[in-house]
Amino acid sequence: MSVVSAIIGTAERVPLPDVVIRAAIQRLCSRTATRLAGHDAAADAAFAGRMMLRPIAEGAAAGRDEVPAAFFAAVLGPSRKYSCCFYKTDATTLQEAEEEALRQTVEHAGLADGQTILELGCGWGSLSLWMARQFPHAKVTAVSTSQAQRAYVEEQAQRRGLLNLRVVTADMNVFAPDGQFDRIVSVEMFEQMMNWRKLMTRLRSWLAPEGRFFMQIVTHRSGSHLFDRLDRDDWIAQHVFTGGLMPSHHLVRQFDDIFTVEKEWCWSGTHYQRTANDWLANFDTHRDAIEASLRKVYGEETALWLRRWRWFLLATSCLFGYARGTEWGVSHYRMKAAE
């Protein structure tokens, strides 16, 4: 048994101090960074080849979809942005970081009023609601796999008088929209998709002439890897992110016969580190309310899952803060259909 699995096994039974959990996560990050250090384009090509053998989606968010909306309302910022936020200064608040990340996303995607826009994996609607408000003459279609998310976004759109936003629930394995779109945007959904080639091929057919596809994903600087359910050390894969992957920053280049990267941007991992730290602070502040919401799902295992969710937030902070944010980070790509 490794040191990491021993610590996690102990923490499953009794609470451990954050410093111990952080040390275990740091060790796991170091091990993974060392393993990925020598990965190159050939490794990405091999990884992309293995992805082709999988279905588009394999239930990557299974550990999170059943969690009540009240949990995310307590942990996330005012916009309920369940993805990386952008901190311009040391004094930036979570709300300000949410808004700056949304502003940059809109800018990088090249969005404009009057466009038809499809968002894949809309989560709790932070970007879709932002787009619908900022571009009143645009037609926004938001796609989620969660009925709870759809209900929340629709309620918010109605409350805000946003008549240009439509929300649908769909399995990405079979989703097929009506018509074509000027822009397709996806924020931290492709990490839950396994067969990028199959999905990207479909996406290209959904784009209008001169349309663009924008994607935000978390990435490692050099190597792609899976969250392995069989790895006893990787409890995130076992309990929270089953079936997910961490792409390299360059993995998208393996699909340049489908989409050509027109422009790309990189955010330091420290932005996600601070995002997770702010979520963790909210978690601790609203612990009683969070415990009550989780009890509806986990029952007698609520105490265990409270610890697991804190570990997830700690792990996110440690992972993206590793090596001062230079190892793992966030990548933006604006792409056009390959000729």
C-alpha atoms as a PDB file:
ATOM      1  CA  MET A   1       0.000   0.000   0.000  1.00  0.00           C
ATOM      2  CA  SER A   2       1.352   3.430  -0.949  1.00  0.00           C
ATOM      3  CA  VAL A   3       1.648   6.354   1.445  1.00  0.00           C
ATOM      4  CA  VAL A   4      -1.112   8.198  -0.416  1.00  0.00           C
ATOM      5  CA  SER A   5      -3.582   5.306  -0.297  1.00  0.00           C
ATOM      6  CA  ALA A   6      -2.763   4.735   3.379  1.00  0.00           C
ATOM      7  CA  ILE A   7      -3.556   8.367   4.208  1.00  0.00           C
ATOM      8  CA  ILE A   8      -6.757   8.293   2.179  1.00  0.00           C
ATOM      9  CA  GLY A   9      -7.788   5.009   3.768  1.00  0.00           C
ATOM     10  CA  THR A  10      -7.304   6.523   7.211  1.00  0.00           C
ATOM     11  CA  ALA A  11      -9.169   9.688   6.263  1.00  0.00           C
ATOM     12  CA  GLU A  12     -12.112   7.577   5.084  1.00  0.00           C
ATOM     13  CA  ARG A  13     -12.536   6.450   8.693  1.00  0.00           C
ATOM     14  CA  VAL A  14     -11.551   9.509  10.728  1.00  0.00           C
ATOM     15  CA  PRO A  15     -11.100  13.226   9.911  1.00  0.00           C
ATOM     16  CA  LEU A  16      -7.507  14.281   9.267  1.00  0.00           C
ATOM     17  CA  PRO A  17      -6.038  17.816   9.331  1.00  0.00           C
ATOM     18  CA  ASP A  18      -5.892  19.664   6.013  1.00  0.00           C
ATOM     19  CA  VAL A  19      -2.104  19.744   6.212  1.00  0.00           C
ATOM     20  CA  VAL A  20      -2.007  15.930   6.064  1.00  0.00           C
ATOM     21  CA  ILE A  21      -4.458  15.753   3.164  1.00  0.00           C
ATOM     22  CA  ARG A  22      -2.534  18.461   1.286  1.00  0.00           C
ATOM     23  CA  ALA A  23       0.709  16.541   1.790  1.00  0.00           C
ATOM     24  CA  ALA A  24      -0.850  13.403   0.308  1.00  0.00           C
ATOM     25  CA  ILE A  25      -2.221  15.344  -2.660  1.00  0.00           C
ATOM     26  CA  GLN A  26       1.139  17.055  -3.198  1.00  0.00           C
ATOM     27  CA  ARG A  27       2.798  13.651  -3.321  1.00  0.00           C
ATOM     28  CA  LEU A  28       0.267  12.425  -5.868  1.00  0.00           C
ATOM     29  CA  CYS A  29       0.758  15.576  -7.991  1.00  0.00           C
ATOM     30  CA  SER A  30       4.520  15.119  -7.912  1.00  0.00           C
ATOM     31  CA  ARG A  31       4.207  11.484  -8.964  1.00  0.00           C
ATOM     32  CA  THR A  32       1.885  12.385 -11.844  1.00  0.00           C
ATOM     33  CA  ALA A  33       4.012  15.347 -12.999  1.00  0.00           C
ATOM     34  CA  THR A  34       7.093  13.121 -13.102  1.00  0.00           C
ATOM     35  CA  ARG A  35       5.258  10.487 -15.127  1.00  0.00           C
ATOM     36  CA  LEU A  36       4.028  13.068 -17.655  1.00  0.00           C
ATOM     37  CA  ALA A  37       7.295  15.008 -17.966  1.00  0.00           C
ATOM     38  CA  GLY A  38       8.523  13.166 -21.040  1.00  0.00           C
ATOM     39  CA  HIS A  39       5.256  13.161 -22.962  1.00  0.00           C
ATOM     40  CA  ASP A  40       5.292  14.731 -26.422  1.00  0.00           C
ATOM     41  CA  ALA A  41       3.259  14.877 -29.628  1.00  0.00           C
ATOM     42  CA  ALA A  42       3.756  11.149 -30.188  1.00  0.00           C
ATOM     43  CA  ALA A  43       2.303  10.419 -26.753  1.00  0.00           C
ATOM     44  CA  ASP A  44      -0.658  12.677 -27.523  1.00  0.00           C
ATOM     45  CA  ALA A  45      -1.186  10.881 -30.830  1.00  0.00           C
ATOM     46  CA  ALA A  46      -1.252   7.534 -29.050  1.00  0.00           C
ATOM     47  CA  PHE A  47      -3.642   8.911 -26.425  1.00  0.00           C
ATOM     48  CA  ALA A  48      -5.943  10.316 -29.133  1.00  0.00           C
ATOM     49  CA  GLY A  49      -5.893   6.930 -30.839  1.00  0.00           C
ATOM     50  CA  ARG A  50      -7.076   5.211 -27.667  1.00  0.00           C
ATOM     51  CA  MET A  51      -9.824   7.818 -27.261  1.00  0.00           C
ATOM     52  CA  MET A  52     -11.274   6.780 -30.628  1.00  0.00           C
ATOM     53  CA  LEU A  53     -12.144   3.369 -29.183  1.00  0.00           C
ATOM     54  CA  ARG A  54     -14.439   4.858 -26.527  1.00  0.00           C
ATOM     55  CA  PRO A  55     -17.990   6.229 -26.657  1.00  0.00           C
ATOM     56  CA  ILE A  56     -18.304  10.018 -26.618  1.00  0.00           C
ATOM     57  CA  ALA A  57     -19.339  10.155 -22.954  1.00  0.00           C
ATOM     58  CA  GLU A  58     -18.995   7.591 -20.192  1.00  0.00           C
ATOM     59  CA  GLY A  59     -20.769   9.257 -17.270  1.00  0.00           C
ATOM     60  CA  ALA A  60     -17.846  11.416 -16.106  1.00  0.00           C
ATOM     61  CA  ALA A  61     -19.929  13.578 -13.814  1.00  0.00           C
ATOM     62  CA  ALA A  62     -21.625  10.676 -12.057  1.00  0.00           C
ATOM     63  CA  GLY A  63     -20.217  11.676  -8.690  1.00  0.00           C
ATOM     64  CA  ARG A  64     -21.653  15.198  -8.959  1.00  0.00           C
ATOM     65  CA  ASP A  65     -24.951  15.044 -10.840  1.00  0.00           C
ATOM     66  CA  GLU A  66     -26.859  13.639  -7.879  1.00  0.00           C
ATOM     67  CA  VAL A  67     -25.695  16.393  -5.502  1.00  0.00           C
ATOM     68  CA  PRO A  68     -28.524  18.847  -4.641  1.00  0.00           C
ATOM     69  CA  ALA A  69     -28.572  22.327  -6.164  1.00  0.00           C
ATOM     70  CA  ALA A  70     -28.434  23.791  -2.653  1.00  0.00           C
ATOM     71  CA  PHE A  71     -24.904  22.419  -2.285  1.00  0.00           C
ATOM     72  CA  PHE A  72     -23.630  24.362  -5.285  1.00  0.00           C
ATOM     73  CA  ALA A  73     -25.565  27.469  -4.249  1.00  0.00           C
ATOM     74  CA  ALA A  74     -23.630  27.429  -0.975  1.00  0.00           C
ATOM     75  CA  VAL A  75     -20.189  26.655  -2.444  1.00  0.00           C
ATOM     76  CA  LEU A  76     -20.016  28.554  -5.743  1.00  0.00           C
ATOM     77  CA  GLY A  77     -20.048  32.309  -6.336  1.00  0.00           C
ATOM     78  CA  PRO A  78     -23.122  34.442  -7.146  1.00  0.00           C
ATOM     79  CA  SER A  79     -23.078  33.410 -10.826  1.00  0.00           C
ATOM     80  CA  ARG A  80     -22.834  29.710  -9.908  1.00  0.00           C
ATOM     81  CA  LYS A  81     -19.861  29.373 -12.238  1.00  0.00           C
ATOM     82  CA  TYR A  82     -18.670  25.780 -11.754  1.00  0.00           C
ATOM     83  CA  SER A  83     -15.408  26.292 -13.631  1.00  0.00           C
ATOM     84  CA  CYS A  84     -12.205  28.299 -13.360  1.00  0.00           C
ATOM     85  CA  CYS A  85     -12.502  31.990 -12.505  1.00  0.00           C
ATOM     86  CA  PHE A  86      -9.933  34.674 -13.349  1.00  0.00           C
ATOM     87  CA  TYR A  87      -8.247  36.772 -10.649  1.00  0.00           C
ATOM     88  CA  LYS A  88      -6.774  40.032 -11.967  1.00  0.00           C
ATOM     89  CA  THR A  89      -5.273  41.125  -8.628  1.00  0.00           C
ATOM     90  CA  ASP A  90      -4.579  39.764  -5.165  1.00  0.00           C
ATOM     91  CA  ALA A  91      -7.679  41.590  -3.931  1.00  0.00           C
ATOM     92  CA  THR A  92     -10.062  40.159  -6.550  1.00  0.00           C
ATOM     93  CA  THR A  93     -13.167  38.570  -5.015  1.00  0.00           C
ATOM     94  CA  LEU A  94     -14.820  35.369  -6.228  1.00  0.00           C
ATOM     95  CA  GLN A  95     -17.690  37.363  -7.724  1.00  0.00           C
ATOM     96  CA  GLU A  96     -15.271  39.638  -9.595  1.00  0.00           C
ATOM     97  CA  ALA A  97     -13.251  36.625 -10.753  1.00  0.00           C
ATOM     98  CA  GLU A  98     -16.398  34.934 -12.067  1.00  0.00           C
ATOM     99  CA  GLU A  99     -17.331  38.027 -14.047  1.00  0.00           C
ATOM    100  CA  GLU A 100     -13.822  38.511 -15.464  1.00  0.00           C
ATOM    101  CA  ALA A 101     -13.658  34.885 -16.588  1.00  0.00           C
ATOM    102  CA  LEU A 102     -17.030  35.219 -18.296  1.00  0.00           C
ATOM    103  CA  ARG A 103     -15.945  38.473 -19.967  1.00  0.00           C
ATOM    104  CA  GLN A 104     -12.766  36.867 -21.316  1.00  0.00           C
ATOM    105  CA  THR A 105     -14.658  33.808 -22.504  1.00  0.00           C
ATOM    106  CA  VAL A 106     -17.070  35.964 -24.503  1.00  0.00           C
ATOM    107  CA  GLU A 107     -14.160  37.945 -25.969  1.00  0.00           C
ATOM    108  CA  HIS A 108     -12.066  34.896 -26.846  1.00  0.00           C
ATOM    109  CA  ALA A 109     -15.021  33.128 -28.453  1.00  0.00           C
ATOM    110  CA  GLY A 110     -15.674  36.147 -30.669  1.00  0.00           C
ATOM    111  CA  LEU A 111     -19.314  36.430 -29.652  1.00  0.00           C
ATOM    112  CA  ALA A 112     -21.529  39.238 -30.961  1.00  0.00           C
ATOM    113  CA  ASP A 113     -25.148  40.319 -30.847  1.00  0.00           C
ATOM    114  CA  GLY A 114     -27.372  38.680 -33.433  1.00  0.00           C
ATOM    115  CA  GLN A 115     -25.459  35.390 -33.514  1.00  0.00           C
ATOM    116  CA  THR A 116     -26.924  31.945 -32.987  1.00  0.00           C
ATOM    117  CA  ILE A 117     -24.956  30.403 -30.101  1.00  0.00           C
ATOM    118  CA  LEU A 118     -24.876  26.839 -28.779  1.00  0.00           C
ATOM    119  CA  GLU A 119     -23.355  26.134 -25.366  1.00  0.00           C
ATOM    120  CA  LEU A 120     -22.502  22.507 -24.650  1.00  0.00           C
ATOM    121  CA  GLY A 121     -22.399  21.615 -20.966  1.00  0.00           C
ATOM    122  CA  CYS A 122     -23.968  24.777 -19.561  1.00  0.00           C
ATOM    123  CA  GLY A 123     -23.820  23.713 -15.902  1.00  0.00           C
ATOM    124  CA  TRP A 124     -25.734  26.157 -13.716  1.00  0.00           C
ATOM    125  CA  GLY A 125     -25.994  28.635 -16.574  1.00  0.00           C
ATOM    126  CA  SER A 126     -23.385  31.248 -15.690  1.00  0.00           C
ATOM    127  CA  LEU A 127     -22.213  31.702 -19.291  1.00  0.00           C
ATOM    128  CA  SER A 128     -25.558  31.127 -21.021  1.00  0.00           C
ATOM    129  CA  LEU A 129     -27.328  33.675 -18.827  1.00  0.00           C
ATOM    130  CA  TRP A 130     -24.433  36.119 -19.329  1.00  0.00           C
ATOM    131  CA  MET A 131     -24.576  35.715 -23.133  1.00  0.00           C
ATOM    132  CA  ALA A 132     -28.349  36.050 -23.279  1.00  0.00           C
ATOM    133  CA  ARG A 133     -28.229  39.248 -21.226  1.00  0.00           C
ATOM    134  CA  GLN A 134     -25.267  40.818 -23.023  1.00  0.00           C
ATOM    135  CA  PHE A 135     -26.531  39.971 -26.518  1.00  0.00           C
ATOM    136  CA  PRO A 136     -30.318  40.499 -26.482  1.00  0.00           C
ATOM    137  CA  HIS A 137     -30.649  39.838 -30.224  1.00  0.00           C
ATOM    138  CA  ALA A 138     -28.652  36.603 -30.108  1.00  0.00           C
ATOM    139  CA  LYS A 139     -30.372  33.226 -29.893  1.00  0.00           C
ATOM    140  CA  VAL A 140     -28.719  31.083 -27.214  1.00  0.00           C
ATOM    141  CA  THR A 141     -29.268  27.348 -26.839  1.00  0.00           C
ATOM    142  CA  ALA A 142     -27.833  25.794 -23.674  1.00  0.00           C
ATOM    143  CA  VAL A 143     -27.363  22.039 -23.275  1.00  0.00           C
ATOM    144  CA  SER A 144     -27.073  20.171 -19.970  1.00  0.00           C
ATOM    145  CA  THR A 145     -27.279  16.529 -18.940  1.00  0.00           C
ATOM    146  CA  SER A 146     -29.022  17.522 -15.685  1.00  0.00           C
ATOM    147  CA  GLN A 147     -32.730  18.183 -15.231  1.00  0.00           C
ATOM    148  CA  ALA A 148     -31.968  20.146 -12.046  1.00  0.00           C
ATOM    149  CA  GLN A 149     -29.589  22.439 -13.938  1.00  0.00           C
ATOM    150  CA  ARG A 150     -32.113  22.943 -16.729  1.00  0.00           C
ATOM    151  CA  ALA A 151     -34.839  23.862 -14.238  1.00  0.00           C
ATOM    152  CA  TYR A 152     -32.557  26.339 -12.466  1.00  0.00           C
ATOM    153  CA  VAL A 153     -31.370  28.053 -15.667  1.00  0.00           C
ATOM    154  CA  GLU A 154     -34.902  28.283 -17.052  1.00  0.00           C
ATOM    155  CA  GLU A 155     -36.125  29.786 -13.779  1.00  0.00           C
ATOM    156  CA  GLN A 156     -33.305  32.344 -13.806  1.00  0.00           C
ATOM    157  CA  ALA A 157     -33.949  33.232 -17.453  1.00  0.00           C
ATOM    158  CA  GLN A 158     -37.633  33.784 -16.735  1.00  0.00           C
ATOM    159  CA  ARG A 159     -36.859  35.869 -13.657  1.00  0.00           C
ATOM    160  CA  ARG A 160     -34.483  38.060 -15.677  1.00  0.00           C
ATOM    161  CA  GLY A 161     -36.788  38.379 -18.672  1.00  0.00           C
ATOM    162  CA  LEU A 162     -34.372  36.614 -21.038  1.00  0.00           C
ATOM    163  CA  LEU A 163     -36.559  35.373 -23.865  1.00  0.00           C
ATOM    164  CA  ASN A 164     -33.607  34.556 -26.145  1.00  0.00           C
ATOM    165  CA  LEU A 165     -32.334  31.587 -24.096  1.00  0.00           C
ATOM    166  CA  ARG A 166     -33.513  28.008 -24.599  1.00  0.00           C
ATOM    167  CA  VAL A 167     -32.310  25.154 -22.376  1.00  0.00           C
ATOM    168  CA  VAL A 168     -32.371  21.470 -23.307  1.00  0.00           C
ATOM    169  CA  THR A 169     -31.250  18.312 -21.548  1.00  0.00           C
ATOM    170  CA  ALA A 170     -29.455  15.727 -23.628  1.00  0.00           C
ATOM    171  CA  ASP A 171     -26.986  12.870 -23.581  1.00  0.00           C
ATOM    172  CA  MET A 172     -23.968  13.978 -25.606  1.00  0.00           C
ATOM    173  CA  ASN A 173     -23.715  10.489 -27.087  1.00  0.00           C
ATOM    174  CA  VAL A 174     -26.889  11.125 -29.082  1.00  0.00           C
ATOM    175  CA  PHE A 175     -27.431  14.902 -29.011  1.00  0.00           C
ATOM    176  CA  ALA A 176     -28.281  16.453 -32.379  1.00  0.00           C
ATOM    177  CA  PRO A 177     -29.392  20.113 -32.503  1.00  0.00           C
ATOM    178  CA  ASP A 178     -31.835  21.669 -34.907  1.00  0.00           C
ATOM    179  CA  GLY A 179     -30.063  23.837 -37.459  1.00  0.00           C
ATOM    180  CA  GLN A 180     -26.584  25.354 -37.412  1.00  0.00           C
ATOM    181  CA  PHE A 181     -24.877  27.927 -35.207  1.00  0.00           C
ATOM    182  CA  ASP A 182     -22.538  30.878 -35.645  1.00  0.00           C
ATOM    183  CA  ARG A 183     -20.741  29.940 -32.444  1.00  0.00           C
ATOM    184  CA  ILE A 184     -20.456  26.761 -30.406  1.00  0.00           C
ATOM    185  CA  VAL A 185     -18.933  27.211 -26.959  1.00  0.00           C
ATOM    186  CA  SER A 186     -17.938  24.641 -24.371  1.00  0.00           C
ATOM    187  CA  VAL A 187     -16.470  25.396 -20.939  1.00  0.00           C
ATOM    188  CA  GLU A 188     -14.852  22.493 -19.096  1.00  0.00           C
ATOM    189  CA  MET A 189     -17.056  19.822 -20.641  1.00  0.00           C
ATOM    190  CA  PHE A 190     -14.594  18.109 -22.959  1.00  0.00           C
ATOM    191  CA  GLU A 191     -12.708  16.700 -19.960  1.00  0.00           C
ATOM    192  CA  GLN A 192     -15.808  14.545 -19.477  1.00  0.00           C
ATOM    193  CA  MET A 193     -15.874  13.439 -23.124  1.00  0.00           C
ATOM    194  CA  MET A 194     -13.813  10.463 -24.245  1.00  0.00           C
ATOM    195  CA  ASN A 195     -14.133  10.297 -28.018  1.00  0.00           C
ATOM    196  CA  TRP A 196     -13.185  13.807 -29.123  1.00  0.00           C
ATOM    197  CA  ARG A 197     -12.872  12.843 -32.782  1.00  0.00           C
ATOM    198  CA  LYS A 198     -16.438  11.611 -33.004  1.00  0.00           C
ATOM    199  CA  LEU A 199     -17.856  14.588 -31.097  1.00  0.00           C
ATOM    200  CA  MET A 200     -15.779  17.178 -32.965  1.00  0.00           C
ATOM    201  CA  THR A 201     -16.856  15.694 -36.290  1.00  0.00           C
ATOM    202  CA  ARG A 202     -20.464  16.233 -35.259  1.00  0.00           C
ATOM    203  CA  LEU A 203     -19.708  19.745 -33.998  1.00  0.00           C
ATOM    204  CA  ARG A 204     -18.245  20.740 -37.336  1.00  0.00           C
ATOM    205  CA  SER A 205     -21.523  19.837 -39.055  1.00  0.00           C
ATOM    206  CA  TRP A 206     -23.411  22.023 -36.549  1.00  0.00           C
ATOM    207  CA  LEU A 207     -21.413  25.150 -37.419  1.00  0.00           C
ATOM    208  CA  ALA A 208     -22.735  27.650 -39.913  1.00  0.00           C
ATOM    209  CA  PRO A 209     -20.383  28.832 -42.689  1.00  0.00           C
ATOM    210  CA  GLU A 210     -17.694  31.044 -41.117  1.00  0.00           C
ATOM    211  CA  GLY A 211     -18.749  29.754 -37.689  1.00  0.00           C
ATOM    212  CA  ARG A 212     -16.303  29.178 -34.852  1.00  0.00           C
ATOM    213  CA  PHE A 213     -15.964  26.654 -32.036  1.00  0.00           C
ATOM    214  CA  PHE A 214     -14.609  27.872 -28.679  1.00  0.00           C
ATOM    215  CA  MET A 215     -13.418  25.450 -26.033  1.00  0.00           C
ATOM    216  CA  GLN A 216     -12.154  25.969 -22.475  1.00  0.00           C
ATOM    217  CA  ILE A 217     -10.525  22.961 -20.846  1.00  0.00           C
ATOM    218  CA  VAL A 218      -8.199  22.262 -17.955  1.00  0.00           C
ATOM    219  CA  THR A 219      -4.877  20.947 -19.227  1.00  0.00           C
ATOM    220  CA  HIS A 220      -1.470  19.617 -18.296  1.00  0.00           C
ATOM    221  CA  ARG A 221       1.438  21.388 -19.946  1.00  0.00           C
ATOM    222  CA  SER A 222       2.787  18.300 -21.733  1.00  0.00           C
ATOM    223  CA  GLY A 223       0.882  15.061 -21.160  1.00  0.00           C
ATOM    224  CA  SER A 224      -2.668  13.745 -21.294  1.00  0.00           C
ATOM    225  CA  HIS A 225      -3.912  11.278 -18.692  1.00  0.00           C
ATOM    226  CA  LEU A 226      -7.084   9.590 -17.481  1.00  0.00           C
ATOM    227  CA  PHE A 227      -8.624   9.701 -14.029  1.00  0.00           C
ATOM    228  CA  ASP A 228      -8.181   5.983 -13.371  1.00  0.00           C
ATOM    229  CA  ARG A 229     -10.851   4.297 -11.251  1.00  0.00           C
ATOM    230  CA  LEU A 230      -8.534   1.322 -10.763  1.00  0.00           C
ATOM    231  CA  ASP A 231      -5.788   3.458  -9.197  1.00  0.00           C
ATOM    232  CA  ARG A 232      -6.333   3.155  -5.436  1.00  0.00           C
ATOM    233  CA  ASP A 233      -4.523   6.462  -4.927  1.00  0.00           C
ATOM    234  CA  ASP A 234      -6.833   8.317  -7.313  1.00  0.00           C
ATOM    235  CA  TRP A 235      -9.893   8.758  -5.112  1.00  0.00           C
ATOM    236  CA  ILE A 236     -11.067  11.698  -7.253  1.00  0.00           C
ATOM    237  CA  ALA A 237     -11.572   9.239 -10.116  1.00  0.00           C
ATOM    238  CA  GLN A 238     -13.219   6.710  -7.822  1.00  0.00           C
ATOM    239  CA  HIS A 239     -15.678   9.038  -6.116  1.00  0.00           C
ATOM    240  CA  VAL A 240     -16.042  12.358  -7.994  1.00  0.00           C
ATOM    241  CA  PHE A 241     -14.713  12.394 -11.575  1.00  0.00           C
ATOM    242  CA  THR A 242     -15.372   8.860 -12.768  1.00  0.00           C
ATOM    243  CA  GLY A 243     -14.561   8.489 -16.445  1.00  0.00           C
ATOM    244  CA  GLY A 244     -12.864  11.855 -16.903  1.00  0.00           C
ATOM    245  CA  LEU A 245      -9.588  12.851 -18.524  1.00  0.00           C
ATOM    246  CA  MET A 246      -6.957  15.562 -18.189  1.00  0.00           C
ATOM    247  CA  PRO A 247      -5.845  16.564 -21.697  1.00  0.00           C
ATOM    248  CA  SER A 248      -2.502  18.092 -22.483  1.00  0.00           C
ATOM    249  CA  HIS A 249      -2.438  21.657 -23.747  1.00  0.00           C
ATOM    250  CA  HIS A 250      -1.485  20.324 -27.190  1.00  0.00           C
ATOM    251  CA  LEU A 251      -3.924  17.388 -27.433  1.00  0.00           C
ATOM    252  CA  VAL A 252      -6.360  19.463 -29.493  1.00  0.00           C
ATOM    253  CA  ARG A 253      -3.732  19.561 -32.281  1.00  0.00           C
ATOM    254  CA  GLN A 254      -4.362  15.856 -32.862  1.00  0.00           C
ATOM    255  CA  PHE A 255      -7.700  16.831 -34.408  1.00  0.00           C
ATOM    256  CA  ASP A 256      -6.507  19.556 -36.776  1.00  0.00           C
ATOM    257  CA  ASP A 257      -8.028  17.682 -39.693  1.00  0.00           C
ATOM    258  CA  ILE A 258     -11.405  18.577 -38.145  1.00  0.00           C
ATOM    259  CA  PHE A 259     -10.735  21.944 -36.497  1.00  0.00           C
ATOM    260  CA  THR A 260      -7.869  24.378 -36.974  1.00  0.00           C
ATOM    261  CA  VAL A 261      -6.863  26.395 -33.918  1.00  0.00           C
ATOM    262  CA  GLU A 262      -7.234  30.040 -34.889  1.00  0.00           C
ATOM    263  CA  LYS A 263      -6.068  31.479 -31.563  1.00  0.00           C
ATOM    264  CA  GLU A 264      -5.287  30.121 -28.112  1.00  0.00           C
ATOM    265  CA  TRP A 265      -4.812  31.456 -24.598  1.00  0.00           C
ATOM    266  CA  CYS A 266      -3.396  29.942 -21.404  1.00  0.00           C
ATOM    267  CA  TRP A 267      -4.380  30.772 -17.830  1.00  0.00           C
ATOM    268  CA  SER A 268      -1.996  29.977 -15.006  1.00  0.00           C
ATOM    269  CA  GLY A 269      -3.130  27.202 -12.705  1.00  0.00           C
ATOM    270  CA  THR A 270      -3.059  29.710  -9.856  1.00  0.00           C
ATOM    271  CA  HIS A 271      -6.430  31.045 -11.068  1.00  0.00           C
ATOM    272  CA  TYR A 272      -8.019  27.657 -10.447  1.00  0.00           C
ATOM    273  CA  GLN A 273      -6.111  27.346  -7.184  1.00  0.00           C
ATOM    274  CA  ARG A 274      -7.694  30.578  -5.956  1.00  0.00           C
ATOM    275  CA  THR A 275     -11.096  29.567  -7.316  1.00  0.00           C
ATOM    276  CA  ALA A 276     -10.963  26.315  -5.353  1.00  0.00           C
ATOM    277  CA  ASN A 277      -9.738  28.118  -2.240  1.00  0.00           C
ATOM    278  CA  ASP A 278     -12.705  30.495  -2.426  1.00  0.00           C
ATOM    279  CA  TRP A 279     -15.075  27.556  -2.896  1.00  0.00           C
ATOM    280  CA  LEU A 280     -13.461  25.869   0.103  1.00  0.00           C
ATOM    281  CA  ALA A 281     -13.954  28.998   2.206  1.00  0.00           C
ATOM    282  CA  ASN A 282     -17.636  29.029   1.226  1.00  0.00           C
ATOM    283  CA  PHE A 283     -17.859  25.329   2.058  1.00  0.00           C
ATOM    284  CA  ASP A 284     -16.526  25.902   5.552  1.00  0.00           C
ATOM    285  CA  THR A 285     -18.664  29.000   6.109  1.00  0.00           C
ATOM    286  CA  HIS A 286     -21.884  27.227   5.118  1.00  0.00           C
ATOM    287  CA  ARG A 287     -20.996  23.781   6.435  1.00  0.00           C
ATOM    288  CA  ASP A 288     -24.263  23.258   8.348  1.00  0.00           C
ATOM    289  CA  ALA A 289     -26.423  24.076   5.324  1.00  0.00           C
ATOM    290  CA  ILE A 290     -24.216  21.923   3.092  1.00  0.00           C
ATOM    291  CA  GLU A 291     -24.453  18.994   5.494  1.00  0.00           C
ATOM    292  CA  ALA A 292     -28.243  19.263   5.479  1.00  0.00           C
ATOM    293  CA  SER A 293     -28.367  19.271   1.670  1.00  0.00           C
ATOM    294  CA  LEU A 294     -25.981  16.316   1.340  1.00  0.00           C
ATOM    295  CA  ARG A 295     -27.895  14.291   3.918  1.00  0.00           C
ATOM    296  CA  LYS A 296     -30.785  14.066   1.445  1.00  0.00           C
ATOM    297  CA  VAL A 297     -28.504  12.114  -0.904  1.00  0.00           C
ATOM    298  CA  TYR A 298     -25.980  10.307   1.278  1.00  0.00           C
ATOM    299  CA  GLY A 299     -27.950   9.576   4.444  1.00  0.00           C
ATOM    300  CA  GLU A 300     -25.770   7.751   6.975  1.00  0.00           C
ATOM    301  CA  GLU A 301     -22.681   8.384   4.823  1.00  0.00           C
ATOM    302  CA  THR A 302     -23.082  12.170   4.960  1.00  0.00           C
ATOM    303  CA  ALA A 303     -20.063  12.709   7.240  1.00  0.00           C
ATOM    304  CA  LEU A 304     -17.869  10.682   4.880  1.00  0.00           C
ATOM    305  CA  TRP A 305     -19.066  12.624   1.832  1.00  0.00           C
ATOM    306  CA  LEU A 306     -18.552  15.941   3.579  1.00  0.00           C
ATOM    307  CA  ARG A 307     -14.908  14.945   3.956  1.00  0.00           C
ATOM    308  CA  ARG A 308     -14.707  13.727   0.359  1.00  0.00           C
ATOM    309  CA  TRP A 309     -16.045  17.008  -0.997  1.00  0.00           C
ATOM    310  CA  ARG A 310     -13.537  18.942   1.097  1.00  0.00           C
ATOM    311  CA  TRP A 311     -10.802  16.671  -0.284  1.00  0.00           C
ATOM    312  CA  PHE A 312     -12.002  17.411  -3.805  1.00  0.00           C
ATOM    313  CA  LEU A 313     -11.716  21.157  -3.216  1.00  0.00           C
ATOM    314  CA  LEU A 314      -8.343  20.723  -1.520  1.00  0.00           C
ATOM    315  CA  ALA A 315      -7.165  18.515  -4.383  1.00  0.00           C
ATOM    316  CA  THR A 316      -8.251  21.059  -6.990  1.00  0.00           C
ATOM    317  CA  SER A 317      -6.382  23.794  -5.131  1.00  0.00           C
ATOM    318  CA  CYS A 318      -3.231  21.701  -4.745  1.00  0.00           C
ATOM    319  CA  LEU A 319      -3.250  20.330  -8.286  1.00  0.00           C
ATOM    320  CA  PHE A 320      -3.498  23.689 -10.015  1.00  0.00           C
ATOM    321  CA  GLY A 321      -1.246  25.412  -7.507  1.00  0.00           C
ATOM    322  CA  TYR A 322       1.479  22.805  -8.000  1.00  0.00           C
ATOM    323  CA  ALA A 323       4.759  24.315  -9.237  1.00  0.00           C
ATOM    324  CA  ARG A 324       3.187  27.780  -8.909  1.00  0.00           C
ATOM    325  CA  GLY A 325       0.563  27.025 -11.508  1.00  0.00           C
ATOM    326  CA  THR A 326       2.968  26.033 -14.282  1.00  0.00           C
ATOM    327  CA  GLU A 327       2.182  22.296 -14.472  1.00  0.00           C
ATOM    328  CA  TRP A 328      -1.624  22.259 -14.762  1.00  0.00           C
ATOM    329  CA  GLY A 329      -3.697  25.195 -15.983  1.00  0.00           C
ATOM    330  CA  VAL A 330      -6.606  26.286 -18.175  1.00  0.00           C
ATOM    331  CA  SER A 331      -6.549  26.545 -21.968  1.00  0.00           C
ATOM    332  CA  HIS A 332      -8.790  28.512 -24.331  1.00  0.00           C
ATOM    333  CA  TYR A 333      -9.014  27.736 -28.047  1.00  0.00           C
ATOM    334  CA  ARG A 334     -10.984  29.441 -30.796  1.00  0.00           C
ATOM    335  CA  MET A 335     -11.210  27.119 -33.791  1.00  0.00           C
ATOM    336  CA  LYS A 336     -12.561  27.073 -37.312  1.00  0.00           C
ATOM    337  CA  ALA A 337     -13.486  24.106 -39.471  1.00  0.00           C
ATOM    338  CA  ALA A 338     -10.461  22.630 -41.210  1.00  0.00           C
ATOM    339  CA  GLU A 339     -10.369  23.081 -44.963  1.00  0.00           C
END
